[in-house]
Amino acid sequence: MGANQFNKPEHQNTFFIWFFFTLYSSSVVGATAIVIIEEDASWALGFGICLAANFIGLVIFLLGNRYYRNDKPEGSPFTGLALVAVATINKRNVLLSSRSEDYYHEKDAKEKEAAASVLTKSFR
């Protein structure tokens, strides 16, 4: 129910901007305003405000449910996890380069491309 609802990258970027703005704003309100209300007015009022905000958010979420794009899952979610576990076990003794230049740093200040470590058959 996130940015996968949008096709265009600029719409996905806008989603993340508003998502994080709302997330951090609500964190600030929860850490300051709700605490002040609970300390100065009453604990029940602060709890009631939190309960009402969560209920309103749930209602808005459920009312928009019919407009959401529901992608069908493809394959088992455990297949990818198993592949990562097997690859990790197989590559546990691989020696890595100690040079920092080998890992995603720009080759030259003028060049914009990032240089990755050289791919070999063992990483495929």
PDB file of N, CA and C in Angstrom:
ATOM      1  N   MET A   1       0.823  -1.183   0.000  1.00  0.00           N
ATOM      2  CA  MET A   1       0.000   0.000   0.000  1.00  0.00           C
ATOM      3  C   MET A   1       0.871   1.253   0.000  1.00  0.00           C
ATOM      4  N   GLY A   2       1.929   1.214  -0.738  1.00  0.00           N
ATOM      5  CA  GLY A   2       2.830   2.354  -0.739  1.00  0.00           C
ATOM      6  C   GLY A   2       3.049   2.898  -2.123  1.00  0.00           C
ATOM      7  N   ALA A   3       4.310   3.133  -2.450  1.00  0.00           N
ATOM      8  CA  ALA A   3       4.657   3.754  -3.725  1.00  0.00           C
ATOM      9  C   ALA A   3       4.382   2.840  -4.906  1.00  0.00           C
ATOM     10  N   ASN A   4       4.146   1.561  -4.674  1.00  0.00           N
ATOM     11  CA  ASN A   4       3.827   0.672  -5.792  1.00  0.00           C
ATOM     12  C   ASN A   4       2.447   0.970  -6.370  1.00  0.00           C
ATOM     13  N   GLN A   5       1.712   1.882  -5.764  1.00  0.00           N
ATOM     14  CA  GLN A   5       0.412   2.291  -6.276  1.00  0.00           C
ATOM     15  C   GLN A   5       0.546   3.263  -7.444  1.00  0.00           C
ATOM     16  N   PHE A   6       1.739   3.790  -7.654  1.00  0.00           N
ATOM     17  CA  PHE A   6       1.968   4.798  -8.688  1.00  0.00           C
ATOM     18  C   PHE A   6       2.874   4.251  -9.776  1.00  0.00           C
ATOM     19  N   ASN A   7       2.619   4.676 -11.017  1.00  0.00           N
ATOM     20  CA  ASN A   7       3.424   4.227 -12.149  1.00  0.00           C
ATOM     21  C   ASN A   7       4.624   5.125 -12.391  1.00  0.00           C
ATOM     22  N   LYS A   8       4.455   6.424 -12.259  1.00  0.00           N
ATOM     23  CA  LYS A   8       5.516   7.371 -12.597  1.00  0.00           C
ATOM     24  C   LYS A   8       6.455   7.573 -11.407  1.00  0.00           C
ATOM     25  N   PRO A   9       7.761   7.624 -11.668  1.00  0.00           N
ATOM     26  CA  PRO A   9       8.723   7.827 -10.577  1.00  0.00           C
ATOM     27  C   PRO A   9       8.511   9.133  -9.815  1.00  0.00           C
ATOM     28  N   GLU A  10       8.071  10.195 -10.506  1.00  0.00           N
ATOM     29  CA  GLU A  10       7.863  11.459  -9.791  1.00  0.00           C
ATOM     30  C   GLU A  10       6.687  11.355  -8.821  1.00  0.00           C
ATOM     31  N   HIS A  11       5.684  10.542  -9.159  1.00  0.00           N
ATOM     32  CA  HIS A  11       4.580  10.323  -8.226  1.00  0.00           C
ATOM     33  C   HIS A  11       5.035   9.474  -7.039  1.00  0.00           C
ATOM     34  N   GLN A  12       5.921   8.517  -7.298  1.00  0.00           N
ATOM     35  CA  GLN A  12       6.474   7.719  -6.207  1.00  0.00           C
ATOM     36  C   GLN A  12       7.314   8.592  -5.282  1.00  0.00           C
ATOM     37  N   ASN A  13       8.100   9.503  -5.849  1.00  0.00           N
ATOM     38  CA  ASN A  13       8.901  10.417  -5.033  1.00  0.00           C
ATOM     39  C   ASN A  13       8.010  11.299  -4.177  1.00  0.00           C
ATOM     40  N   THR A  14       6.931  11.811  -4.764  1.00  0.00           N
ATOM     41  CA  THR A  14       5.996  12.641  -4.008  1.00  0.00           C
ATOM     42  C   THR A  14       5.380  11.845  -2.866  1.00  0.00           C
ATOM     43  N   PHE A  15       5.043  10.586  -3.125  1.00  0.00           N
ATOM     44  CA  PHE A  15       4.496   9.737  -2.068  1.00  0.00           C
ATOM     45  C   PHE A  15       5.469   9.637  -0.899  1.00  0.00           C
ATOM     46  N   PHE A  16       6.746   9.359  -1.195  1.00  0.00           N
ATOM     47  CA  PHE A  16       7.716   9.202  -0.116  1.00  0.00           C
ATOM     48  C   PHE A  16       7.946  10.506   0.629  1.00  0.00           C
ATOM     49  N   ILE A  17       7.923  11.626  -0.058  1.00  0.00           N
ATOM     50  CA  ILE A  17       8.075  12.918   0.611  1.00  0.00           C
ATOM     51  C   ILE A  17       6.947  13.116   1.621  1.00  0.00           C
ATOM     52  N   TRP A  18       5.707  12.899   1.190  1.00  0.00           N
ATOM     53  CA  TRP A  18       4.571  13.078   2.082  1.00  0.00           C
ATOM     54  C   TRP A  18       4.521  12.000   3.161  1.00  0.00           C
ATOM     55  N   PHE A  19       4.917  10.788   2.823  1.00  0.00           N
ATOM     56  CA  PHE A  19       4.923   9.708   3.808  1.00  0.00           C
ATOM     57  C   PHE A  19       5.866  10.032   4.958  1.00  0.00           C
ATOM     58  N   PHE A  20       7.103  10.426   4.634  1.00  0.00           N
ATOM     59  CA  PHE A  20       8.068  10.718   5.690  1.00  0.00           C
ATOM     60  C   PHE A  20       7.736  12.012   6.423  1.00  0.00           C
ATOM     61  N   PHE A  21       7.187  12.998   5.725  1.00  0.00           N
ATOM     62  CA  PHE A  21       6.754  14.222   6.403  1.00  0.00           C
ATOM     63  C   PHE A  21       5.683  13.896   7.440  1.00  0.00           C
ATOM     64  N   THR A  22       4.698  13.084   7.048  1.00  0.00           N
ATOM     65  CA  THR A  22       3.632  12.705   7.968  1.00  0.00           C
ATOM     66  C   THR A  22       4.166  11.849   9.114  1.00  0.00           C
ATOM     67  N   LEU A  23       5.053  10.926   8.808  1.00  0.00           N
ATOM     68  CA  LEU A  23       5.630  10.058   9.832  1.00  0.00           C
ATOM     69  C   LEU A  23       6.380  10.868  10.885  1.00  0.00           C
ATOM     70  N   TYR A  24       7.249  11.767  10.440  1.00  0.00           N
ATOM     71  CA  TYR A  24       8.040  12.550  11.382  1.00  0.00           C
ATOM     72  C   TYR A  24       7.195  13.586  12.106  1.00  0.00           C
ATOM     73  N   SER A  25       6.225  14.171  11.423  1.00  0.00           N
ATOM     74  CA  SER A  25       5.343  15.143  12.077  1.00  0.00           C
ATOM     75  C   SER A  25       4.534  14.471  13.181  1.00  0.00           C
ATOM     76  N   SER A  26       3.995  13.307  12.888  1.00  0.00           N
ATOM     77  CA  SER A  26       3.216  12.604  13.907  1.00  0.00           C
ATOM     78  C   SER A  26       4.098  12.150  15.069  1.00  0.00           C
ATOM     79  N   SER A  27       5.351  11.839  14.791  1.00  0.00           N
ATOM     80  CA  SER A  27       6.274  11.478  15.874  1.00  0.00           C
ATOM     81  C   SER A  27       6.532  12.667  16.787  1.00  0.00           C
ATOM     82  N   VAL A  28       6.706  13.836  16.194  1.00  0.00           N
ATOM     83  CA  VAL A  28       6.933  15.047  16.993  1.00  0.00           C
ATOM     84  C   VAL A  28       5.700  15.367  17.824  1.00  0.00           C
ATOM     85  N   VAL A  29       4.523  15.280  17.222  1.00  0.00           N
ATOM     86  CA  VAL A  29       3.285  15.549  17.961  1.00  0.00           C
ATOM     87  C   VAL A  29       3.114  14.532  19.086  1.00  0.00           C
ATOM     88  N   GLY A  30       3.383  13.267  18.798  1.00  0.00           N
ATOM     89  CA  GLY A  30       3.242  12.236  19.819  1.00  0.00           C
ATOM     90  C   GLY A  30       4.233  12.382  20.958  1.00  0.00           C
ATOM     91  N   ALA A  31       5.433  12.856  20.643  1.00  0.00           N
ATOM     92  CA  ALA A  31       6.468  12.985  21.672  1.00  0.00           C
ATOM     93  C   ALA A  31       6.363  14.293  22.447  1.00  0.00           C
ATOM     94  N   THR A  32       5.623  15.263  21.935  1.00  0.00           N
ATOM     95  CA  THR A  32       5.522  16.554  22.629  1.00  0.00           C
ATOM     96  C   THR A  32       4.090  16.858  23.043  1.00  0.00           C
ATOM     97  N   ALA A  33       3.219  17.092  22.085  1.00  0.00           N
ATOM     98  CA  ALA A  33       1.864  17.556  22.396  1.00  0.00           C
ATOM     99  C   ALA A  33       1.081  16.539  23.220  1.00  0.00           C
ATOM    100  N   ILE A  34       1.134  15.288  22.848  1.00  0.00           N
ATOM    101  CA  ILE A  34       0.381  14.268  23.586  1.00  0.00           C
ATOM    102  C   ILE A  34       0.932  14.120  25.004  1.00  0.00           C
ATOM    103  N   VAL A  35       2.238  14.192  25.146  1.00  0.00           N
ATOM    104  CA  VAL A  35       2.842  14.095  26.477  1.00  0.00           C
ATOM    105  C   VAL A  35       2.423  15.281  27.334  1.00  0.00           C
ATOM    106  N   ILE A  36       2.415  16.473  26.755  1.00  0.00           N
ATOM    107  CA  ILE A  36       1.994  17.667  27.501  1.00  0.00           C
ATOM    108  C   ILE A  36       0.537  17.533  27.927  1.00  0.00           C
ATOM    109  N   ILE A  37      -0.320  17.067  27.030  1.00  0.00           N
ATOM    110  CA  ILE A  37      -1.736  16.875  27.372  1.00  0.00           C
ATOM    111  C   ILE A  37      -1.883  15.840  28.477  1.00  0.00           C
ATOM    112  N   GLU A  38      -1.144  14.746  28.393  1.00  0.00           N
ATOM    113  CA  GLU A  38      -1.243  13.711  29.422  1.00  0.00           C
ATOM    114  C   GLU A  38      -0.733  14.201  30.773  1.00  0.00           C
ATOM    115  N   GLU A  39       0.289  15.036  30.769  1.00  0.00           N
ATOM    116  CA  GLU A  39       0.836  15.545  32.031  1.00  0.00           C
ATOM    117  C   GLU A  39      -0.030  16.650  32.631  1.00  0.00           C
ATOM    118  N   ASP A  40      -0.500  17.584  31.793  1.00  0.00           N
ATOM    119  CA  ASP A  40      -1.205  18.758  32.308  1.00  0.00           C
ATOM    120  C   ASP A  40      -2.714  18.556  32.423  1.00  0.00           C
ATOM    121  N   ALA A  41      -3.336  17.897  31.460  1.00  0.00           N
ATOM    122  CA  ALA A  41      -4.796  17.735  31.490  1.00  0.00           C
ATOM    123  C   ALA A  41      -5.136  16.395  32.147  1.00  0.00           C
ATOM    124  N   SER A  42      -5.085  15.340  31.377  1.00  0.00           N
ATOM    125  CA  SER A  42      -5.327  14.017  31.949  1.00  0.00           C
ATOM    126  C   SER A  42      -4.776  12.947  31.025  1.00  0.00           C
ATOM    127  N   TRP A  43      -4.432  11.843  31.646  1.00  0.00           N
ATOM    128  CA  TRP A  43      -3.907  10.730  30.880  1.00  0.00           C
ATOM    129  C   TRP A  43      -4.975  10.187  29.942  1.00  0.00           C
ATOM    130  N   ALA A  44      -6.209  10.156  30.399  1.00  0.00           N
ATOM    131  CA  ALA A  44      -7.311   9.621  29.596  1.00  0.00           C
ATOM    132  C   ALA A  44      -7.540  10.468  28.343  1.00  0.00           C
ATOM    133  N   LEU A  45      -7.415  11.789  28.453  1.00  0.00           N
ATOM    134  CA  LEU A  45      -7.589  12.662  27.288  1.00  0.00           C
ATOM    135  C   LEU A  45      -6.493  12.407  26.256  1.00  0.00           C
ATOM    136  N   GLY A  46      -5.249  12.299  26.698  1.00  0.00           N
ATOM    137  CA  GLY A  46      -4.149  12.005  25.782  1.00  0.00           C
ATOM    138  C   GLY A  46      -4.327  10.660  25.103  1.00  0.00           C
ATOM    139  N   PHE A  47      -4.756   9.668  25.872  1.00  0.00           N
ATOM    140  CA  PHE A  47      -5.017   8.349  25.301  1.00  0.00           C
ATOM    141  C   PHE A  47      -6.172   8.409  24.314  1.00  0.00           C
ATOM    142  N   GLY A  48      -7.208   9.170  24.650  1.00  0.00           N
ATOM    143  CA  GLY A  48      -8.366   9.309  23.771  1.00  0.00           C
ATOM    144  C   GLY A  48      -8.010   9.977  22.456  1.00  0.00           C
ATOM    145  N   ILE A  49      -7.136  10.978  22.493  1.00  0.00           N
ATOM    146  CA  ILE A  49      -6.695  11.642  21.265  1.00  0.00           C
ATOM    147  C   ILE A  49      -5.928  10.654  20.387  1.00  0.00           C
ATOM    148  N   CYS A  50      -5.047   9.872  20.986  1.00  0.00           N
ATOM    149  CA  CYS A  50      -4.303   8.855  20.222  1.00  0.00           C
ATOM    150  C   CYS A  50      -5.248   7.812  19.635  1.00  0.00           C
ATOM    151  N   LEU A  51      -6.218   7.384  20.429  1.00  0.00           N
ATOM    152  CA  LEU A  51      -7.193   6.406  19.962  1.00  0.00           C
ATOM    153  C   LEU A  51      -8.008   6.965  18.794  1.00  0.00           C
ATOM    154  N   ALA A  52      -8.458   8.211  18.912  1.00  0.00           N
ATOM    155  CA  ALA A  52      -9.248   8.838  17.843  1.00  0.00           C
ATOM    156  C   ALA A  52      -8.421   8.993  16.571  1.00  0.00           C
ATOM    157  N   ALA A  53      -7.163   9.410  16.699  1.00  0.00           N
ATOM    158  CA  ALA A  53      -6.303   9.582  15.522  1.00  0.00           C
ATOM    159  C   ALA A  53      -6.080   8.247  14.819  1.00  0.00           C
ATOM    160  N   ASN A  54      -5.857   7.188  15.583  1.00  0.00           N
ATOM    161  CA  ASN A  54      -5.682   5.863  14.981  1.00  0.00           C
ATOM    162  C   ASN A  54      -6.970   5.374  14.325  1.00  0.00           C
ATOM    163  N   PHE A  55      -8.094   5.625  14.950  1.00  0.00           N
ATOM    164  CA  PHE A  55      -9.374   5.206  14.379  1.00  0.00           C
ATOM    165  C   PHE A  55      -9.662   5.954  13.078  1.00  0.00           C
ATOM    166  N   ILE A  56      -9.419   7.257  13.051  1.00  0.00           N
ATOM    167  CA  ILE A  56      -9.632   8.050  11.835  1.00  0.00           C
ATOM    168  C   ILE A  56      -8.719   7.554  10.716  1.00  0.00           C
ATOM    169  N   GLY A  57      -7.460   7.279  11.031  1.00  0.00           N
ATOM    170  CA  GLY A  57      -6.534   6.746  10.034  1.00  0.00           C
ATOM    171  C   GLY A  57      -6.978   5.400   9.497  1.00  0.00           C
ATOM    172  N   LEU A  58      -7.480   4.538  10.370  1.00  0.00           N
ATOM    173  CA  LEU A  58      -7.969   3.228   9.944  1.00  0.00           C
ATOM    174  C   LEU A  58      -9.183   3.359   9.033  1.00  0.00           C
ATOM    175  N   VAL A  59     -10.109   4.262   9.381  1.00  0.00           N
ATOM    176  CA  VAL A  59     -11.300   4.471   8.553  1.00  0.00           C
ATOM    177  C   VAL A  59     -10.907   4.982   7.173  1.00  0.00           C
ATOM    178  N   ILE A  60      -9.997   5.947   7.108  1.00  0.00           N
ATOM    179  CA  ILE A  60      -9.543   6.476   5.816  1.00  0.00           C
ATOM    180  C   ILE A  60      -8.878   5.371   5.001  1.00  0.00           C
ATOM    181  N   PHE A  61      -8.061   4.565   5.650  1.00  0.00           N
ATOM    182  CA  PHE A  61      -7.398   3.448   4.968  1.00  0.00           C
ATOM    183  C   PHE A  61      -8.418   2.468   4.400  1.00  0.00           C
ATOM    184  N   LEU A  62      -9.404   2.098   5.188  1.00  0.00           N
ATOM    185  CA  LEU A  62     -10.395   1.119   4.738  1.00  0.00           C
ATOM    186  C   LEU A  62     -11.326   1.683   3.671  1.00  0.00           C
ATOM    187  N   LEU A  63     -11.647   2.971   3.741  1.00  0.00           N
ATOM    188  CA  LEU A  63     -12.495   3.578   2.712  1.00  0.00           C
ATOM    189  C   LEU A  63     -11.793   3.630   1.357  1.00  0.00           C
ATOM    190  N   GLY A  64     -10.488   3.748   1.357  1.00  0.00           N
ATOM    191  CA  GLY A  64      -9.742   3.796   0.104  1.00  0.00           C
ATOM    192  C   GLY A  64      -9.332   2.442  -0.417  1.00  0.00           C
ATOM    193  N   ASN A  65      -9.671   1.382   0.299  1.00  0.00           N
ATOM    194  CA  ASN A  65      -9.226   0.033  -0.051  1.00  0.00           C
ATOM    195  C   ASN A  65      -9.633  -0.383  -1.464  1.00  0.00           C
ATOM    196  N   ARG A  66     -10.797   0.031  -1.921  1.00  0.00           N
ATOM    197  CA  ARG A  66     -11.244  -0.393  -3.256  1.00  0.00           C
ATOM    198  C   ARG A  66     -10.461   0.282  -4.368  1.00  0.00           C
ATOM    199  N   TYR A  67      -9.749   1.351  -4.057  1.00  0.00           N
ATOM    200  CA  TYR A  67      -8.962   2.062  -5.071  1.00  0.00           C
ATOM    201  C   TYR A  67      -7.517   1.573  -5.144  1.00  0.00           C
ATOM    202  N   TYR A  68      -7.101   0.732  -4.213  1.00  0.00           N
ATOM    203  CA  TYR A  68      -5.716   0.280  -4.169  1.00  0.00           C
ATOM    204  C   TYR A  68      -5.442  -0.729  -5.268  1.00  0.00           C
ATOM    205  N   ARG A  69      -4.243  -0.678  -5.781  1.00  0.00           N
ATOM    206  CA  ARG A  69      -3.776  -1.669  -6.750  1.00  0.00           C
ATOM    207  C   ARG A  69      -3.227  -2.851  -5.952  1.00  0.00           C
ATOM    208  N   ASN A  70      -3.835  -3.992  -6.120  1.00  0.00           N
ATOM    209  CA  ASN A  70      -3.401  -5.187  -5.400  1.00  0.00           C
ATOM    210  C   ASN A  70      -2.645  -6.088  -6.359  1.00  0.00           C
ATOM    211  N   ASP A  71      -1.340  -6.100  -6.237  1.00  0.00           N
ATOM    212  CA  ASP A  71      -0.510  -6.951  -7.078  1.00  0.00           C
ATOM    213  C   ASP A  71      -0.551  -8.377  -6.549  1.00  0.00           C
ATOM    214  N   LYS A  72      -0.732  -9.302  -7.449  1.00  0.00           N
ATOM    215  CA  LYS A  72      -0.747 -10.715  -7.069  1.00  0.00           C
ATOM    216  C   LYS A  72       0.678 -11.163  -6.766  1.00  0.00           C
ATOM    217  N   PRO A  73       0.884 -11.872  -5.664  1.00  0.00           N
ATOM    218  CA  PRO A  73       2.225 -12.368  -5.360  1.00  0.00           C
ATOM    219  C   PRO A  73       2.669 -13.399  -6.395  1.00  0.00           C
ATOM    220  N   GLU A  74       3.925 -13.329  -6.755  1.00  0.00           N
ATOM    221  CA  GLU A  74       4.477 -14.261  -7.738  1.00  0.00           C
ATOM    222  C   GLU A  74       5.472 -15.181  -7.044  1.00  0.00           C
ATOM    223  N   GLY A  75       5.143 -16.434  -6.939  1.00  0.00           N
ATOM    224  CA  GLY A  75       6.032 -17.393  -6.303  1.00  0.00           C
ATOM    225  C   GLY A  75       5.964 -17.309  -4.789  1.00  0.00           C
ATOM    226  N   SER A  76       6.786 -18.097  -4.170  1.00  0.00           N
ATOM    227  CA  SER A  76       6.827 -18.155  -2.719  1.00  0.00           C
ATOM    228  C   SER A  76       7.754 -17.076  -2.169  1.00  0.00           C
ATOM    229  N   PRO A  77       7.384 -16.425  -1.068  1.00  0.00           N
ATOM    230  CA  PRO A  77       8.286 -15.446  -0.471  1.00  0.00           C
ATOM    231  C   PRO A  77       9.514 -16.104   0.164  1.00  0.00           C
ATOM    232  N   PHE A  78       9.440 -17.400   0.406  1.00  0.00           N
ATOM    233  CA  PHE A  78      10.549 -18.099   1.040  1.00  0.00           C
ATOM    234  C   PHE A  78      11.628 -18.518   0.049  1.00  0.00           C
ATOM    235  N   THR A  79      11.305 -18.495  -1.253  1.00  0.00           N
ATOM    236  CA  THR A  79      12.287 -18.878  -2.267  1.00  0.00           C
ATOM    237  C   THR A  79      13.471 -17.919  -2.259  1.00  0.00           C
ATOM    238  N   GLY A  80      13.190 -16.626  -2.260  1.00  0.00           N
ATOM    239  CA  GLY A  80      14.262 -15.631  -2.227  1.00  0.00           C
ATOM    240  C   GLY A  80      15.085 -15.729  -0.958  1.00  0.00           C
ATOM    241  N   LEU A  81      14.417 -15.962   0.165  1.00  0.00           N
ATOM    242  CA  LEU A  81      15.119 -16.114   1.433  1.00  0.00           C
ATOM    243  C   LEU A  81      16.032 -17.334   1.408  1.00  0.00           C
ATOM    244  N   ALA A  82      15.549 -18.433   0.853  1.00  0.00           N
ATOM    245  CA  ALA A  82      16.360 -19.644   0.749  1.00  0.00           C
ATOM    246  C   ALA A  82      17.556 -19.425  -0.172  1.00  0.00           C
ATOM    247  N   LEU A  83      17.354 -18.707  -1.287  1.00  0.00           N
ATOM    248  CA  LEU A  83      18.466 -18.417  -2.204  1.00  0.00           C
ATOM    249  C   LEU A  83      19.544 -17.589  -1.518  1.00  0.00           C
ATOM    250  N   VAL A  84      19.130 -16.605  -0.728  1.00  0.00           N
ATOM    251  CA  VAL A  84      20.102 -15.777  -0.011  1.00  0.00           C
ATOM    252  C   VAL A  84      20.858 -16.611   1.019  1.00  0.00           C
ATOM    253  N   ALA A  85      20.152 -17.474   1.736  1.00  0.00           N
ATOM    254  CA  ALA A  85      20.806 -18.318   2.737  1.00  0.00           C
ATOM    255  C   ALA A  85      21.820 -19.258   2.092  1.00  0.00           C
ATOM    256  N   VAL A  86      21.464 -19.873   0.979  1.00  0.00           N
ATOM    257  CA  VAL A  86      22.377 -20.787   0.286  1.00  0.00           C
ATOM    258  C   VAL A  86      23.583 -20.026  -0.250  1.00  0.00           C
ATOM    259  N   ALA A  87      23.359 -18.864  -0.856  1.00  0.00           N
ATOM    260  CA  ALA A  87      24.469 -18.067  -1.386  1.00  0.00           C
ATOM    261  C   ALA A  87      25.398 -17.614  -0.268  1.00  0.00           C
ATOM    262  N   THR A  88      24.836 -17.267   0.877  1.00  0.00           N
ATOM    263  CA  THR A  88      25.653 -16.849   2.017  1.00  0.00           C
ATOM    264  C   THR A  88      26.530 -17.988   2.511  1.00  0.00           C
ATOM    265  N   ILE A  89      25.965 -19.155   2.619  1.00  0.00           N
ATOM    266  CA  ILE A  89      26.738 -20.318   3.074  1.00  0.00           C
ATOM    267  C   ILE A  89      27.835 -20.656   2.070  1.00  0.00           C
ATOM    268  N   ASN A  90      27.507 -20.615   0.771  1.00  0.00           N
ATOM    269  CA  ASN A  90      28.494 -20.944  -0.260  1.00  0.00           C
ATOM    270  C   ASN A  90      29.630 -19.927  -0.328  1.00  0.00           C
ATOM    271  N   LYS A  91      29.360 -18.690   0.008  1.00  0.00           N
ATOM    272  CA  LYS A  91      30.367 -17.632  -0.150  1.00  0.00           C
ATOM    273  C   LYS A  91      30.971 -17.178   1.176  1.00  0.00           C
ATOM    274  N   ARG A  92      30.822 -17.956   2.221  1.00  0.00           N
ATOM    275  CA  ARG A  92      31.302 -17.531   3.533  1.00  0.00           C
ATOM    276  C   ARG A  92      32.824 -17.423   3.613  1.00  0.00           C
ATOM    277  N   ASN A  93      33.555 -18.113   2.753  1.00  0.00           N
ATOM    278  CA  ASN A  93      35.017 -18.080   2.794  1.00  0.00           C
ATOM    279  C   ASN A  93      35.631 -17.241   1.683  1.00  0.00           C
ATOM    280  N   VAL A  94      34.820 -16.479   0.949  1.00  0.00           N
ATOM    281  CA  VAL A  94      35.335 -15.656  -0.143  1.00  0.00           C
ATOM    282  C   VAL A  94      36.142 -14.501   0.441  1.00  0.00           C
ATOM    283  N   LEU A  95      37.339 -14.305  -0.095  1.00  0.00           N
ATOM    284  CA  LEU A  95      38.179 -13.205   0.364  1.00  0.00           C
ATOM    285  C   LEU A  95      37.759 -11.919  -0.330  1.00  0.00           C
ATOM    286  N   LEU A  96      37.617 -10.869   0.438  1.00  0.00           N
ATOM    287  CA  LEU A  96      37.228  -9.575  -0.101  1.00  0.00           C
ATOM    288  C   LEU A  96      38.435  -8.665  -0.176  1.00  0.00           C
ATOM    289  N   SER A  97      38.382  -7.733  -1.090  1.00  0.00           N
ATOM    290  CA  SER A  97      39.464  -6.776  -1.243  1.00  0.00           C
ATOM    291  C   SER A  97      39.477  -5.820  -0.057  1.00  0.00           C
ATOM    292  N   SER A  98      40.658  -5.465   0.401  1.00  0.00           N
ATOM    293  CA  SER A  98      40.764  -4.506   1.498  1.00  0.00           C
ATOM    294  C   SER A  98      40.909  -3.079   0.989  1.00  0.00           C
ATOM    295  N   ARG A  99      40.970  -2.926  -0.331  1.00  0.00           N
ATOM    296  CA  ARG A  99      41.092  -1.589  -0.917  1.00  0.00           C
ATOM    297  C   ARG A  99      39.715  -0.952  -1.016  1.00  0.00           C
ATOM    298  N   SER A 100      39.574   0.232  -0.493  1.00  0.00           N
ATOM    299  CA  SER A 100      38.276   0.897  -0.530  1.00  0.00           C
ATOM    300  C   SER A 100      37.906   1.353  -1.932  1.00  0.00           C
ATOM    301  N   GLU A 101      38.885   1.468  -2.827  1.00  0.00           N
ATOM    302  CA  GLU A 101      38.607   1.900  -4.195  1.00  0.00           C
ATOM    303  C   GLU A 101      37.807   0.857  -4.969  1.00  0.00           C
ATOM    304  N   ASP A 102      37.808  -0.383  -4.495  1.00  0.00           N
ATOM    305  CA  ASP A 102      37.121  -1.454  -5.200  1.00  0.00           C
ATOM    306  C   ASP A 102      35.608  -1.454  -4.966  1.00  0.00           C
ATOM    307  N   TYR A 103      35.117  -0.607  -4.085  1.00  0.00           N
ATOM    308  CA  TYR A 103      33.718  -0.674  -3.698  1.00  0.00           C
ATOM    309  C   TYR A 103      32.986   0.637  -3.918  1.00  0.00           C
ATOM    310  N   TYR A 104      32.350   0.764  -5.061  1.00  0.00           N
ATOM    311  CA  TYR A 104      31.373   1.801  -5.355  1.00  0.00           C
ATOM    312  C   TYR A 104      31.825   3.227  -5.055  1.00  0.00           C
ATOM    313  N   HIS A 105      33.039   3.555  -5.376  1.00  0.00           N
ATOM    314  CA  HIS A 105      33.506   4.931  -5.282  1.00  0.00           C
ATOM    315  C   HIS A 105      33.730   5.438  -6.691  1.00  0.00           C
ATOM    316  N   GLU A 106      33.605   6.745  -6.871  1.00  0.00           N
ATOM    317  CA  GLU A 106      33.835   7.304  -8.195  1.00  0.00           C
ATOM    318  C   GLU A 106      35.294   7.112  -8.579  1.00  0.00           C
ATOM    319  N   LYS A 107      35.508   6.745  -9.843  1.00  0.00           N
ATOM    320  CA  LYS A 107      36.869   6.537 -10.319  1.00  0.00           C
ATOM    321  C   LYS A 107      37.628   7.853 -10.344  1.00  0.00           C
ATOM    322  N   ASP A 108      36.924   8.890 -10.761  1.00  0.00           N
ATOM    323  CA  ASP A 108      37.543  10.194 -10.896  1.00  0.00           C
ATOM    324  C   ASP A 108      36.507  11.227 -10.469  1.00  0.00           C
ATOM    325  N   ALA A 109      36.949  12.353  -9.974  1.00  0.00           N
ATOM    326  CA  ALA A 109      36.016  13.384  -9.536  1.00  0.00           C
ATOM    327  C   ALA A 109      35.161  13.889 -10.691  1.00  0.00           C
ATOM    328  N   LYS A 110      35.707  13.859 -11.898  1.00  0.00           N
ATOM    329  CA  LYS A 110      34.967  14.330 -13.068  1.00  0.00           C
ATOM    330  C   LYS A 110      33.972  13.287 -13.565  1.00  0.00           C
ATOM    331  N   GLU A 111      34.229  12.036 -13.269  1.00  0.00           N
ATOM    332  CA  GLU A 111      33.397  10.951 -13.763  1.00  0.00           C
ATOM    333  C   GLU A 111      32.212  10.733 -12.838  1.00  0.00           C
ATOM    334  N   LYS A 112      31.038  10.538 -13.397  1.00  0.00           N
ATOM    335  CA  LYS A 112      29.833  10.356 -12.595  1.00  0.00           C
ATOM    336  C   LYS A 112      29.520   8.889 -12.312  1.00  0.00           C
ATOM    337  N   GLU A 113      30.110   7.986 -13.102  1.00  0.00           N
ATOM    338  CA  GLU A 113      29.816   6.571 -12.929  1.00  0.00           C
ATOM    339  C   GLU A 113      30.510   6.023 -11.690  1.00  0.00           C
ATOM    340  N   ALA A 114      29.819   5.162 -10.976  1.00  0.00           N
ATOM    341  CA  ALA A 114      30.417   4.496  -9.826  1.00  0.00           C
ATOM    342  C   ALA A 114      31.059   3.198 -10.298  1.00  0.00           C
ATOM    343  N   ALA A 115      32.200   2.897  -9.750  1.00  0.00           N
ATOM    344  CA  ALA A 115      32.911   1.687 -10.149  1.00  0.00           C
ATOM    345  C   ALA A 115      32.630   0.593  -9.134  1.00  0.00           C
ATOM    346  N   ALA A 116      32.119  -0.518  -9.582  1.00  0.00           N
ATOM    347  CA  ALA A 116      31.859  -1.656  -8.716  1.00  0.00           C
ATOM    348  C   ALA A 116      33.050  -2.595  -8.773  1.00  0.00           C
ATOM    349  N   SER A 117      33.120  -3.491  -7.818  1.00  0.00           N
ATOM    350  CA  SER A 117      34.182  -4.479  -7.881  1.00  0.00           C
ATOM    351  C   SER A 117      33.946  -5.365  -9.103  1.00  0.00           C
ATOM    352  N   VAL A 118      34.995  -5.935  -9.610  1.00  0.00           N
ATOM    353  CA  VAL A 118      34.925  -6.709 -10.842  1.00  0.00           C
ATOM    354  C   VAL A 118      34.101  -7.971 -10.613  1.00  0.00           C
ATOM    355  N   LEU A 119      33.138  -8.214 -11.499  1.00  0.00           N
ATOM    356  CA  LEU A 119      32.294  -9.398 -11.381  1.00  0.00           C
ATOM    357  C   LEU A 119      33.041 -10.626 -11.886  1.00  0.00           C
ATOM    358  N   THR A 120      32.845 -11.715 -11.204  1.00  0.00           N
ATOM    359  CA  THR A 120      33.450 -12.975 -11.616  1.00  0.00           C
ATOM    360  C   THR A 120      32.357 -14.025 -11.720  1.00  0.00           C
ATOM    361  N   LYS A 121      32.709 -15.187 -12.235  1.00  0.00           N
ATOM    362  CA  LYS A 121      31.742 -16.278 -12.364  1.00  0.00           C
ATOM    363  C   LYS A 121      31.258 -16.775 -10.997  1.00  0.00           C
ATOM    364  N   SER A 122      32.075 -16.620  -9.951  1.00  0.00           N
ATOM    365  CA  SER A 122      31.698 -17.137  -8.641  1.00  0.00           C
ATOM    366  C   SER A 122      30.555 -16.346  -8.013  1.00  0.00           C
ATOM    367  N   PHE A 123      30.289 -15.141  -8.502  1.00  0.00           N
ATOM    368  CA  PHE A 123      29.206 -14.340  -7.945  1.00  0.00           C
ATOM    369  C   PHE A 123      27.902 -14.517  -8.710  1.00  0.00           C
ATOM    370  N   ARG A 124      27.846 -15.423  -9.645  1.00  0.00           N
ATOM    371  CA  ARG A 124      26.618 -15.609 -10.434  1.00  0.00           C
ATOM    372  C   ARG A 124      25.916 -16.866 -10.050  1.00  0.00           C
TER     373      ARG A 124
END
